[in-house]
Each structure stands twice: as C-alpha cells, then as structure tokens.
Amino acid sequence: AGLPRTGTLSTRAALEQLVGPCYHGSTPMIERQDHIPLWMEALSEGRIDRVALKKALQGYRAGLDLPFSGW
C-alpha cells in the first residue's frame, strides 16, 4: 500500500505500532542494504525470485511504498 511521497513514513510508524515491523522503501536503502541486489535483479529481470524475497521479508508484518507499490 502507499505510493511514494504520500505519507508512507508516518503510515509505517503507525503500522509498526499496530502490527510490527514494516518494510518501507527506505528499508533497503538505509537499514538493509544487503537487500539492494534482490531489488536490482528484480528490476532488470522483470520478475522476482520468490525464495529470495520470502527470505528477505522474513520477520516483517507489513510493507508499503516502493518496492511494494511497484510490484
């Protein structure tokens, strides 16, 4: 949910209070730079490795902004 620049950081804060960890567009850029290759490959291939995605998202309870709104 949530397109970039539409209050997704405040939405993330609320979701983390309600349901737990939330994957946001800032996550791979700031918190989990080891996820950048996953998303770069997905963009270049036009598809995503579901096994790698499941591993990367383990522990997150919600997601918004890019990359979610792009997929």
Protein backbone atom coordinates (compact mmCIF):
# COMPACT_ATOMS: atom_id res chain seq x y z
CA ALA A 1 0.00 0.00 0.00
CA GLY A 2 1.02 3.59 -0.38
CA LEU A 3 2.64 5.34 -3.29
CA PRO A 4 5.90 7.21 -2.68
CA ARG A 5 5.59 10.73 -1.24
CA THR A 6 2.11 10.12 0.21
CA GLY A 7 2.89 9.98 3.93
CA THR A 8 4.30 6.47 3.89
CA LEU A 9 6.82 7.13 6.67
CA SER A 10 4.07 8.16 9.07
CA THR A 11 1.98 5.22 7.87
CA ARG A 12 4.98 2.98 8.53
CA ALA A 13 5.26 4.33 12.07
CA ALA A 14 1.57 3.63 12.67
CA LEU A 15 1.74 0.13 11.20
CA GLU A 16 4.75 -0.71 13.34
CA GLN A 17 2.77 0.32 16.42
CA LEU A 18 -0.22 -1.76 15.33
CA VAL A 19 1.23 -4.91 13.73
CA GLY A 20 5.02 -4.90 14.00
CA PRO A 21 7.96 -4.40 11.62
CA CYS A 22 7.09 -2.75 8.31
CA TYR A 23 9.18 -2.93 5.13
CA HIS A 24 9.35 0.51 3.52
CA GLY A 25 11.19 1.96 0.52
CA SER A 26 13.82 3.25 2.90
CA THR A 27 14.49 -0.23 4.27
CA PRO A 28 16.88 -1.44 1.54
CA MET A 29 18.44 1.99 1.13
CA ILE A 30 19.20 2.64 4.80
CA GLU A 31 18.51 -0.33 7.06
CA ARG A 32 19.09 -3.38 4.86
CA GLN A 33 21.50 -2.50 2.08
CA ASP A 34 22.09 -6.23 1.62
CA HIS A 35 18.60 -6.29 0.02
CA ILE A 36 19.60 -3.93 -2.82
CA PRO A 37 20.83 -6.76 -5.11
CA LEU A 38 17.47 -8.54 -4.75
CA TRP A 39 15.55 -5.49 -5.93
CA MET A 40 18.07 -4.55 -8.64
CA GLU A 41 17.86 -8.06 -10.08
CA ALA A 42 14.07 -7.95 -9.94
CA LEU A 43 14.06 -4.68 -11.88
CA SER A 44 16.49 -5.89 -14.52
CA GLU A 45 14.82 -9.30 -14.94
CA GLY A 46 11.24 -8.08 -14.71
CA ARG A 47 10.49 -10.77 -12.14
CA ILE A 48 11.43 -11.54 -8.58
CA ASP A 49 12.98 -14.61 -7.03
CA ARG A 50 10.21 -15.71 -4.67
CA VAL A 51 12.54 -17.77 -2.48
CA ALA A 52 14.93 -14.85 -2.01
CA LEU A 53 12.00 -12.49 -1.45
CA LYS A 54 10.49 -14.73 1.22
CA LYS A 55 13.86 -14.83 2.99
CA ALA A 56 14.33 -11.04 2.75
CA LEU A 57 10.85 -10.31 4.10
CA GLN A 58 11.04 -12.77 6.98
CA GLY A 59 10.00 -11.02 10.18
CA TYR A 60 8.19 -8.12 8.50
CA ARG A 61 4.46 -7.88 9.12
CA ALA A 62 3.59 -5.13 6.62
CA GLY A 63 5.01 -3.38 3.58
CA LEU A 64 4.44 -0.11 1.78
CA ASP A 65 5.99 2.42 -0.59
CA LEU A 66 8.49 1.19 -3.14
CA PRO A 67 9.31 -1.54 -3.83
CA PHE A 68 5.85 -2.87 -2.91
CA SER A 69 3.84 -0.35 -4.87
CA GLY A 70 5.99 -1.14 -7.92
CA TRP A 71 5.21 -4.85 -7.83
